[in-house]
Amino acid sequence: MELQKRLASQILDCGPRRVRFDPSKLEDIKKAITSFDMRRLIAQGIVYKIQKKGVSRARAKQTHGQKVKGRRSGHGSRKGKVTARLNPKTRWVRAVRAQREVLRSLRENQVIDNAGFKSLYAKVKGGFFRSTKHIKIYIKEQNLIVRKEVGK
């Protein structure tokens, strides 16, 4: 049966260990001594190859799904500086846009007047404020509020 295994492995393009014979048709397999005979037995399903064992991707897929949701990004998972993970310019642009959006909404709702808006806008450009919360604290401290905000 070594000859048959070798022929089958060449035809099936796999190793001899992966070749399997149907136990009820062993007599037919013993008679097959040419590659043509083997091809016929493979077509009939008497000789077949077993599937290769692979590494399951189930855990990897689950982990990836969690990372997409924003999980698994704590301090223990981080390598490199903060600037490597998010470059400083992008961080700056995001912060400044958020701060300017806050100023615009305050001016539209007439919480601050135009002169106050201009001075605060210049401070935002100069990097004076740490965050949008810092702007609101500063406005209260400096008494730049023209009228109380409705709904907040």
N, C-alpha and C. Protein backbone atom coordinates (compact mmCIF):
# COMPACT_ATOMS: atom_id res chain seq x y z
N MET A 1 0.82 -1.21 0.00
CA MET A 1 0.00 0.00 0.00
C MET A 1 0.86 1.27 0.00
N GLU A 2 2.17 1.12 0.16
CA GLU A 2 3.06 2.28 0.14
C GLU A 2 3.03 2.97 -1.21
N LEU A 3 3.05 2.15 -2.29
CA LEU A 3 3.01 2.69 -3.65
C LEU A 3 1.74 3.51 -3.86
N GLN A 4 0.61 2.97 -3.42
CA GLN A 4 -0.67 3.64 -3.59
C GLN A 4 -0.70 4.97 -2.82
N LYS A 5 -0.14 4.94 -1.61
CA LYS A 5 -0.10 6.17 -0.80
C LYS A 5 0.75 7.22 -1.48
N ARG A 6 1.91 6.78 -2.02
CA ARG A 6 2.82 7.72 -2.69
C ARG A 6 2.16 8.32 -3.92
N LEU A 7 1.53 7.49 -4.74
CA LEU A 7 0.84 7.98 -5.95
C LEU A 7 -0.27 8.96 -5.58
N ALA A 8 -1.07 8.59 -4.58
CA ALA A 8 -2.19 9.44 -4.15
C ALA A 8 -1.68 10.78 -3.63
N SER A 9 -0.58 10.73 -2.85
CA SER A 9 -0.05 11.98 -2.29
C SER A 9 0.47 12.90 -3.39
N GLN A 10 1.04 12.32 -4.45
CA GLN A 10 1.50 13.15 -5.58
C GLN A 10 0.32 13.79 -6.31
N ILE A 11 -0.73 13.01 -6.51
CA ILE A 11 -1.91 13.51 -7.23
C ILE A 11 -2.67 14.54 -6.39
N LEU A 12 -2.84 14.23 -5.09
CA LEU A 12 -3.59 15.13 -4.19
C LEU A 12 -2.76 16.32 -3.72
N ASP A 13 -1.49 16.33 -4.06
CA ASP A 13 -0.56 17.40 -3.71
C ASP A 13 -0.52 17.61 -2.18
N CYS A 14 -0.22 16.53 -1.48
CA CYS A 14 -0.08 16.59 -0.03
C CYS A 14 0.88 15.49 0.41
N GLY A 15 1.16 15.42 1.69
CA GLY A 15 2.05 14.38 2.21
C GLY A 15 1.32 13.05 2.34
N PRO A 16 2.07 11.95 2.36
CA PRO A 16 1.44 10.62 2.47
C PRO A 16 0.63 10.44 3.76
N ARG A 17 1.00 11.17 4.81
CA ARG A 17 0.27 11.05 6.08
C ARG A 17 -1.16 11.57 5.98
N ARG A 18 -1.39 12.47 5.06
CA ARG A 18 -2.74 13.05 4.93
C ARG A 18 -3.64 12.24 4.00
N VAL A 19 -3.09 11.23 3.33
CA VAL A 19 -3.88 10.39 2.42
C VAL A 19 -4.63 9.34 3.22
N ARG A 20 -5.93 9.19 2.96
CA ARG A 20 -6.74 8.18 3.65
C ARG A 20 -7.43 7.30 2.62
N PHE A 21 -7.55 6.03 2.97
CA PHE A 21 -8.23 5.05 2.12
C PHE A 21 -9.53 4.61 2.80
N ASP A 22 -10.55 4.33 1.96
CA ASP A 22 -11.82 3.80 2.48
C ASP A 22 -11.57 2.35 2.91
N PRO A 23 -11.76 2.02 4.20
CA PRO A 23 -11.43 0.67 4.68
C PRO A 23 -12.23 -0.45 4.00
N SER A 24 -13.42 -0.14 3.51
CA SER A 24 -14.24 -1.18 2.87
C SER A 24 -13.80 -1.46 1.43
N LYS A 25 -12.95 -0.62 0.84
CA LYS A 25 -12.54 -0.79 -0.56
C LYS A 25 -11.03 -1.07 -0.68
N LEU A 26 -10.44 -1.68 0.33
CA LEU A 26 -8.99 -1.90 0.32
C LEU A 26 -8.53 -2.81 -0.83
N GLU A 27 -9.38 -3.76 -1.22
CA GLU A 27 -9.02 -4.66 -2.33
C GLU A 27 -8.87 -3.88 -3.64
N ASP A 28 -9.80 -2.96 -3.91
CA ASP A 28 -9.73 -2.14 -5.12
C ASP A 28 -8.47 -1.25 -5.10
N ILE A 29 -8.14 -0.74 -3.93
CA ILE A 29 -6.99 0.15 -3.79
C ILE A 29 -5.69 -0.62 -4.04
N LYS A 30 -5.62 -1.88 -3.54
CA LYS A 30 -4.41 -2.71 -3.75
C LYS A 30 -4.16 -2.98 -5.23
N LYS A 31 -5.25 -3.08 -6.01
CA LYS A 31 -5.13 -3.36 -7.45
C LYS A 31 -4.67 -2.14 -8.24
N ALA A 32 -4.87 -0.94 -7.69
CA ALA A 32 -4.51 0.30 -8.38
C ALA A 32 -3.00 0.48 -8.30
N ILE A 33 -2.31 0.33 -9.45
CA ILE A 33 -0.85 0.46 -9.44
C ILE A 33 -0.35 1.59 -10.35
N THR A 34 -1.28 2.22 -11.07
CA THR A 34 -0.89 3.35 -11.92
C THR A 34 -1.55 4.63 -11.40
N SER A 35 -1.00 5.75 -11.81
CA SER A 35 -1.57 7.02 -11.38
C SER A 35 -2.97 7.23 -11.97
N PHE A 36 -3.22 6.61 -13.15
CA PHE A 36 -4.55 6.69 -13.76
C PHE A 36 -5.58 5.99 -12.87
N ASP A 37 -5.19 4.79 -12.36
CA ASP A 37 -6.07 4.05 -11.44
C ASP A 37 -6.36 4.87 -10.18
N MET A 38 -5.31 5.50 -9.67
CA MET A 38 -5.45 6.32 -8.46
C MET A 38 -6.39 7.49 -8.69
N ARG A 39 -6.25 8.15 -9.83
CA ARG A 39 -7.13 9.29 -10.15
C ARG A 39 -8.59 8.86 -10.16
N ARG A 40 -8.83 7.65 -10.71
CA ARG A 40 -10.19 7.12 -10.77
C ARG A 40 -10.74 6.90 -9.35
N LEU A 41 -9.91 6.34 -8.46
CA LEU A 41 -10.33 6.09 -7.08
C LEU A 41 -10.57 7.41 -6.32
N ILE A 42 -9.73 8.40 -6.61
CA ILE A 42 -9.91 9.72 -5.98
C ILE A 42 -11.23 10.35 -6.43
N ALA A 43 -11.52 10.21 -7.73
CA ALA A 43 -12.78 10.75 -8.28
C ALA A 43 -13.98 10.06 -7.66
N GLN A 44 -13.85 8.78 -7.35
CA GLN A 44 -14.96 8.02 -6.73
C GLN A 44 -15.08 8.31 -5.24
N GLY A 45 -14.05 8.90 -4.66
CA GLY A 45 -14.09 9.23 -3.23
C GLY A 45 -13.58 8.12 -2.34
N ILE A 46 -12.97 7.10 -2.96
CA ILE A 46 -12.43 5.98 -2.18
C ILE A 46 -11.11 6.38 -1.53
N VAL A 47 -10.33 7.17 -2.27
CA VAL A 47 -9.08 7.73 -1.74
C VAL A 47 -9.28 9.23 -1.59
N TYR A 48 -8.93 9.77 -0.45
CA TYR A 48 -9.12 11.21 -0.20
C TYR A 48 -8.05 11.71 0.75
N LYS A 49 -7.94 13.04 0.83
CA LYS A 49 -6.97 13.61 1.78
C LYS A 49 -7.72 14.28 2.92
N ILE A 50 -7.15 14.16 4.13
CA ILE A 50 -7.78 14.79 5.29
C ILE A 50 -7.35 16.26 5.34
N GLN A 51 -8.21 17.06 5.91
CA GLN A 51 -7.96 18.50 5.95
C GLN A 51 -6.79 18.81 6.87
N LYS A 52 -6.02 19.80 6.46
CA LYS A 52 -4.88 20.25 7.26
C LYS A 52 -5.38 20.92 8.53
N LYS A 53 -4.66 20.70 9.63
CA LYS A 53 -5.03 21.38 10.87
C LYS A 53 -4.44 22.78 10.85
N GLY A 54 -5.26 23.76 11.17
CA GLY A 54 -4.80 25.15 11.18
C GLY A 54 -4.95 25.77 12.56
N VAL A 55 -4.54 27.01 12.68
CA VAL A 55 -4.68 27.74 13.94
C VAL A 55 -5.99 28.52 13.89
N SER A 56 -6.80 28.37 14.92
CA SER A 56 -8.10 29.03 14.96
C SER A 56 -7.95 30.54 15.08
N ARG A 57 -8.75 31.28 14.34
CA ARG A 57 -8.73 32.74 14.39
C ARG A 57 -9.82 33.29 15.31
N ALA A 58 -10.55 32.43 15.98
CA ALA A 58 -11.70 32.87 16.79
C ALA A 58 -11.28 33.87 17.86
N ARG A 59 -10.22 33.54 18.61
CA ARG A 59 -9.78 34.44 19.68
C ARG A 59 -9.25 35.75 19.10
N ALA A 60 -8.53 35.64 17.99
CA ALA A 60 -7.98 36.85 17.35
C ALA A 60 -9.10 37.76 16.88
N LYS A 61 -10.16 37.18 16.33
CA LYS A 61 -11.30 37.97 15.85
C LYS A 61 -12.01 38.68 17.01
N GLN A 62 -12.15 37.95 18.12
CA GLN A 62 -12.81 38.54 19.29
C GLN A 62 -12.00 39.71 19.83
N THR A 63 -10.68 39.52 19.93
CA THR A 63 -9.79 40.57 20.41
C THR A 63 -9.86 41.78 19.50
N HIS A 64 -9.84 41.55 18.20
CA HIS A 64 -9.91 42.65 17.23
C HIS A 64 -11.21 43.42 17.38
N GLY A 65 -12.32 42.67 17.57
CA GLY A 65 -13.63 43.30 17.77
C GLY A 65 -13.64 44.22 18.98
N GLN A 66 -12.97 43.78 20.05
CA GLN A 66 -12.90 44.60 21.25
C GLN A 66 -12.05 45.84 21.01
N LYS A 67 -10.96 45.69 20.26
CA LYS A 67 -10.08 46.83 19.97
C LYS A 67 -10.79 47.87 19.12
N VAL A 68 -11.65 47.40 18.19
CA VAL A 68 -12.45 48.31 17.36
C VAL A 68 -13.37 49.15 18.25
N LYS A 69 -13.91 48.51 19.31
CA LYS A 69 -14.79 49.22 20.24
C LYS A 69 -14.03 50.18 21.15
N GLY A 70 -12.69 50.06 21.15
CA GLY A 70 -11.89 50.95 21.99
C GLY A 70 -11.44 50.31 23.29
N ARG A 71 -11.67 48.99 23.43
CA ARG A 71 -11.22 48.28 24.63
C ARG A 71 -9.73 47.95 24.48
N ARG A 72 -9.15 47.43 25.54
CA ARG A 72 -7.76 46.93 25.55
C ARG A 72 -6.73 47.99 25.18
N SER A 73 -6.98 49.23 25.58
CA SER A 73 -6.03 50.29 25.24
C SER A 73 -5.52 51.00 26.50
N GLY A 74 -5.54 50.27 27.63
CA GLY A 74 -5.09 50.84 28.90
C GLY A 74 -3.58 51.02 28.95
N HIS A 75 -3.10 51.49 30.08
CA HIS A 75 -1.67 51.79 30.24
C HIS A 75 -0.79 50.56 30.00
N GLY A 76 -1.26 49.39 30.40
CA GLY A 76 -0.46 48.18 30.24
C GLY A 76 -0.30 47.72 28.80
N SER A 77 -1.17 48.19 27.91
CA SER A 77 -1.10 47.78 26.50
C SER A 77 -0.32 48.77 25.65
N ARG A 78 0.10 49.88 26.23
CA ARG A 78 0.73 50.94 25.44
C ARG A 78 2.24 50.77 25.37
N LYS A 79 2.75 50.98 24.18
CA LYS A 79 4.20 51.01 23.97
C LYS A 79 4.51 52.29 23.22
N GLY A 80 5.55 52.96 23.61
CA GLY A 80 5.89 54.23 22.96
C GLY A 80 5.25 55.41 23.68
N LYS A 81 5.75 56.60 23.35
CA LYS A 81 5.24 57.82 23.98
C LYS A 81 3.86 58.16 23.46
N VAL A 82 3.22 59.09 24.14
CA VAL A 82 1.90 59.56 23.71
C VAL A 82 2.00 60.17 22.32
N THR A 83 3.14 60.84 22.07
CA THR A 83 3.34 61.50 20.77
C THR A 83 3.51 60.49 19.64
N ALA A 84 3.89 59.26 19.99
CA ALA A 84 4.00 58.22 18.97
C ALA A 84 2.63 57.66 18.62
N ARG A 85 1.74 57.63 19.61
CA ARG A 85 0.39 57.09 19.40
C ARG A 85 -0.52 58.10 18.70
N LEU A 86 -0.35 59.38 19.03
CA LEU A 86 -1.14 60.45 18.40
C LEU A 86 -0.23 61.67 18.29
N ASN A 87 0.06 62.09 17.07
CA ASN A 87 1.08 63.13 16.94
C ASN A 87 0.59 64.48 17.47
N PRO A 88 1.52 65.29 17.99
CA PRO A 88 1.14 66.53 18.69
C PRO A 88 0.32 67.50 17.87
N LYS A 89 0.59 67.56 16.56
CA LYS A 89 -0.16 68.51 15.72
C LYS A 89 -1.63 68.13 15.66
N THR A 90 -1.91 66.84 15.46
CA THR A 90 -3.31 66.38 15.40
C THR A 90 -4.01 66.68 16.72
N ARG A 91 -3.32 66.42 17.82
CA ARG A 91 -3.88 66.69 19.15
C ARG A 91 -4.21 68.18 19.30
N TRP A 92 -3.28 69.02 18.87
CA TRP A 92 -3.45 70.48 18.93
C TRP A 92 -4.65 70.91 18.10
N VAL A 93 -4.72 70.42 16.87
CA VAL A 93 -5.81 70.79 15.95
C VAL A 93 -7.16 70.42 16.57
N ARG A 94 -7.26 69.21 17.12
CA ARG A 94 -8.53 68.76 17.73
C ARG A 94 -8.92 69.66 18.90
N ALA A 95 -7.94 69.98 19.75
CA ALA A 95 -8.21 70.80 20.93
C ALA A 95 -8.66 72.20 20.53
N VAL A 96 -7.94 72.82 19.58
CA VAL A 96 -8.25 74.18 19.14
C VAL A 96 -9.61 74.25 18.47
N ARG A 97 -9.93 73.25 17.64
CA ARG A 97 -11.24 73.23 16.98
C ARG A 97 -12.37 73.12 18.00
N ALA A 98 -12.19 72.29 18.99
CA ALA A 98 -13.21 72.14 20.03
C ALA A 98 -13.40 73.45 20.79
N GLN A 99 -12.28 74.10 21.13
CA GLN A 99 -12.34 75.36 21.88
C GLN A 99 -13.01 76.46 21.06
N ARG A 100 -12.67 76.52 19.79
CA ARG A 100 -13.29 77.54 18.91
C ARG A 100 -14.78 77.29 18.74
N GLU A 101 -15.16 76.02 18.70
CA GLU A 101 -16.58 75.66 18.59
C GLU A 101 -17.34 76.14 19.82
N VAL A 102 -16.74 75.96 20.99
CA VAL A 102 -17.35 76.43 22.24
C VAL A 102 -17.52 77.95 22.20
N LEU A 103 -16.48 78.66 21.78
CA LEU A 103 -16.55 80.13 21.70
C LEU A 103 -17.65 80.58 20.74
N ARG A 104 -17.73 79.90 19.59
CA ARG A 104 -18.76 80.25 18.60
C ARG A 104 -20.16 80.08 19.19
N SER A 105 -20.37 78.95 19.88
CA SER A 105 -21.71 78.71 20.45
C SER A 105 -22.03 79.73 21.54
N LEU A 106 -21.03 80.10 22.33
CA LEU A 106 -21.26 81.10 23.38
C LEU A 106 -21.61 82.46 22.77
N ARG A 107 -20.96 82.81 21.67
CA ARG A 107 -21.26 84.09 21.01
C ARG A 107 -22.64 84.07 20.37
N GLU A 108 -22.99 82.95 19.71
CA GLU A 108 -24.30 82.83 19.06
C GLU A 108 -25.44 82.89 20.09
N ASN A 109 -25.21 82.29 21.27
CA ASN A 109 -26.22 82.32 22.33
C ASN A 109 -26.15 83.60 23.16
N GLN A 110 -25.27 84.52 22.74
CA GLN A 110 -25.10 85.85 23.35
C GLN A 110 -24.74 85.75 24.84
N VAL A 111 -23.93 84.75 25.17
CA VAL A 111 -23.43 84.62 26.53
C VAL A 111 -22.24 85.56 26.70
N ILE A 112 -21.44 85.68 25.62
CA ILE A 112 -20.31 86.62 25.62
C ILE A 112 -20.50 87.61 24.48
N ASP A 113 -19.96 88.80 24.63
CA ASP A 113 -20.09 89.79 23.56
C ASP A 113 -18.93 89.61 22.56
N ASN A 114 -18.98 90.42 21.50
CA ASN A 114 -18.01 90.28 20.40
C ASN A 114 -16.58 90.58 20.85
N ALA A 115 -16.43 91.59 21.70
CA ALA A 115 -15.09 91.96 22.18
C ALA A 115 -14.51 90.83 23.02
N GLY A 116 -15.33 90.25 23.87
CA GLY A 116 -14.90 89.12 24.70
C GLY A 116 -14.54 87.92 23.84
N PHE A 117 -15.36 87.70 22.79
CA PHE A 117 -15.11 86.60 21.86
C PHE A 117 -13.75 86.77 21.21
N LYS A 118 -13.44 87.98 20.74
CA LYS A 118 -12.18 88.23 20.04
C LYS A 118 -10.97 88.01 20.95
N SER A 119 -11.07 88.47 22.18
CA SER A 119 -9.93 88.29 23.12
C SER A 119 -9.74 86.81 23.46
N LEU A 120 -10.85 86.11 23.67
CA LEU A 120 -10.76 84.68 23.99
C LEU A 120 -10.25 83.88 22.78
N TYR A 121 -10.69 84.28 21.58
CA TYR A 121 -10.26 83.61 20.35
C TYR A 121 -8.75 83.72 20.19
N ALA A 122 -8.22 84.91 20.49
CA ALA A 122 -6.77 85.13 20.40
C ALA A 122 -6.04 84.28 21.42
N LYS A 123 -6.62 84.15 22.62
CA LYS A 123 -6.01 83.31 23.66
C LYS A 123 -6.00 81.83 23.24
N VAL A 124 -7.08 81.40 22.60
CA VAL A 124 -7.13 80.01 22.09
C VAL A 124 -6.01 79.79 21.08
N LYS A 125 -5.84 80.76 20.19
CA LYS A 125 -4.80 80.64 19.17
C LYS A 125 -3.41 80.59 19.81
N GLY A 126 -3.24 81.31 20.91
CA GLY A 126 -1.96 81.33 21.60
C GLY A 126 -1.72 80.14 22.51
N GLY A 127 -2.70 79.24 22.61
CA GLY A 127 -2.54 78.04 23.43
C GLY A 127 -2.69 78.30 24.92
N PHE A 128 -3.43 79.33 25.26
CA PHE A 128 -3.61 79.72 26.67
C PHE A 128 -4.46 78.70 27.43
N PHE A 129 -5.49 78.17 26.77
CA PHE A 129 -6.44 77.28 27.44
C PHE A 129 -6.04 75.82 27.30
N ARG A 130 -6.21 75.07 28.39
CA ARG A 130 -5.90 73.64 28.38
C ARG A 130 -7.02 72.83 27.72
N SER A 131 -8.26 73.29 27.94
CA SER A 131 -9.42 72.55 27.45
C SER A 131 -10.62 73.47 27.34
N THR A 132 -11.74 72.92 26.88
CA THR A 132 -12.99 73.71 26.80
C THR A 132 -13.50 74.05 28.21
N LYS A 133 -13.27 73.14 29.13
CA LYS A 133 -13.68 73.39 30.52
C LYS A 133 -12.90 74.58 31.09
N HIS A 134 -11.63 74.66 30.74
CA HIS A 134 -10.78 75.75 31.20
C HIS A 134 -11.30 77.10 30.69
N ILE A 135 -11.80 77.13 29.45
CA ILE A 135 -12.38 78.36 28.88
C ILE A 135 -13.57 78.82 29.74
N LYS A 136 -14.45 77.89 30.07
CA LYS A 136 -15.65 78.23 30.84
C LYS A 136 -15.30 78.74 32.23
N ILE A 137 -14.30 78.12 32.85
CA ILE A 137 -13.84 78.57 34.18
C ILE A 137 -13.28 79.99 34.08
N TYR A 138 -12.48 80.23 33.04
CA TYR A 138 -11.85 81.53 32.82
C TYR A 138 -12.90 82.62 32.61
N ILE A 139 -13.94 82.30 31.83
CA ILE A 139 -15.02 83.27 31.55
C ILE A 139 -15.73 83.67 32.85
N LYS A 140 -15.99 82.68 33.71
CA LYS A 140 -16.65 82.96 34.99
C LYS A 140 -15.76 83.80 35.90
N GLU A 141 -14.46 83.45 35.96
CA GLU A 141 -13.51 84.17 36.82
C GLU A 141 -13.34 85.63 36.39
N GLN A 142 -13.31 85.86 35.07
CA GLN A 142 -13.06 87.20 34.53
C GLN A 142 -14.35 88.01 34.35
N ASN A 143 -15.49 87.42 34.70
CA ASN A 143 -16.80 88.07 34.56
C ASN A 143 -17.06 88.56 33.14
N LEU A 144 -16.82 87.68 32.18
CA LEU A 144 -17.05 88.03 30.77
C LEU A 144 -18.46 87.65 30.31
N ILE A 145 -19.26 87.09 31.22
CA ILE A 145 -20.62 86.67 30.87
C ILE A 145 -21.51 87.89 30.72
N VAL A 146 -22.16 88.01 29.56
CA VAL A 146 -23.09 89.12 29.31
C VAL A 146 -24.45 88.75 29.88
N ARG A 147 -24.91 87.50 29.61
CA ARG A 147 -26.15 87.02 30.20
C ARG A 147 -26.03 85.51 30.42
N LYS A 148 -26.80 84.97 31.35
CA LYS A 148 -26.73 83.56 31.67
C LYS A 148 -27.17 82.71 30.47
N GLU A 149 -26.50 81.54 30.32
CA GLU A 149 -26.85 80.62 29.24
C GLU A 149 -28.15 79.91 29.55
N VAL A 150 -29.03 79.79 28.53
CA VAL A 150 -30.32 79.15 28.73
C VAL A 150 -30.16 77.65 28.51
N GLY A 151 -30.68 76.82 29.45
CA GLY A 151 -30.65 75.37 29.28
C GLY A 151 -29.38 74.70 29.75
N LYS A 152 -28.44 75.46 30.30
CA LYS A 152 -27.20 74.83 30.78
C LYS A 152 -26.90 75.23 32.19
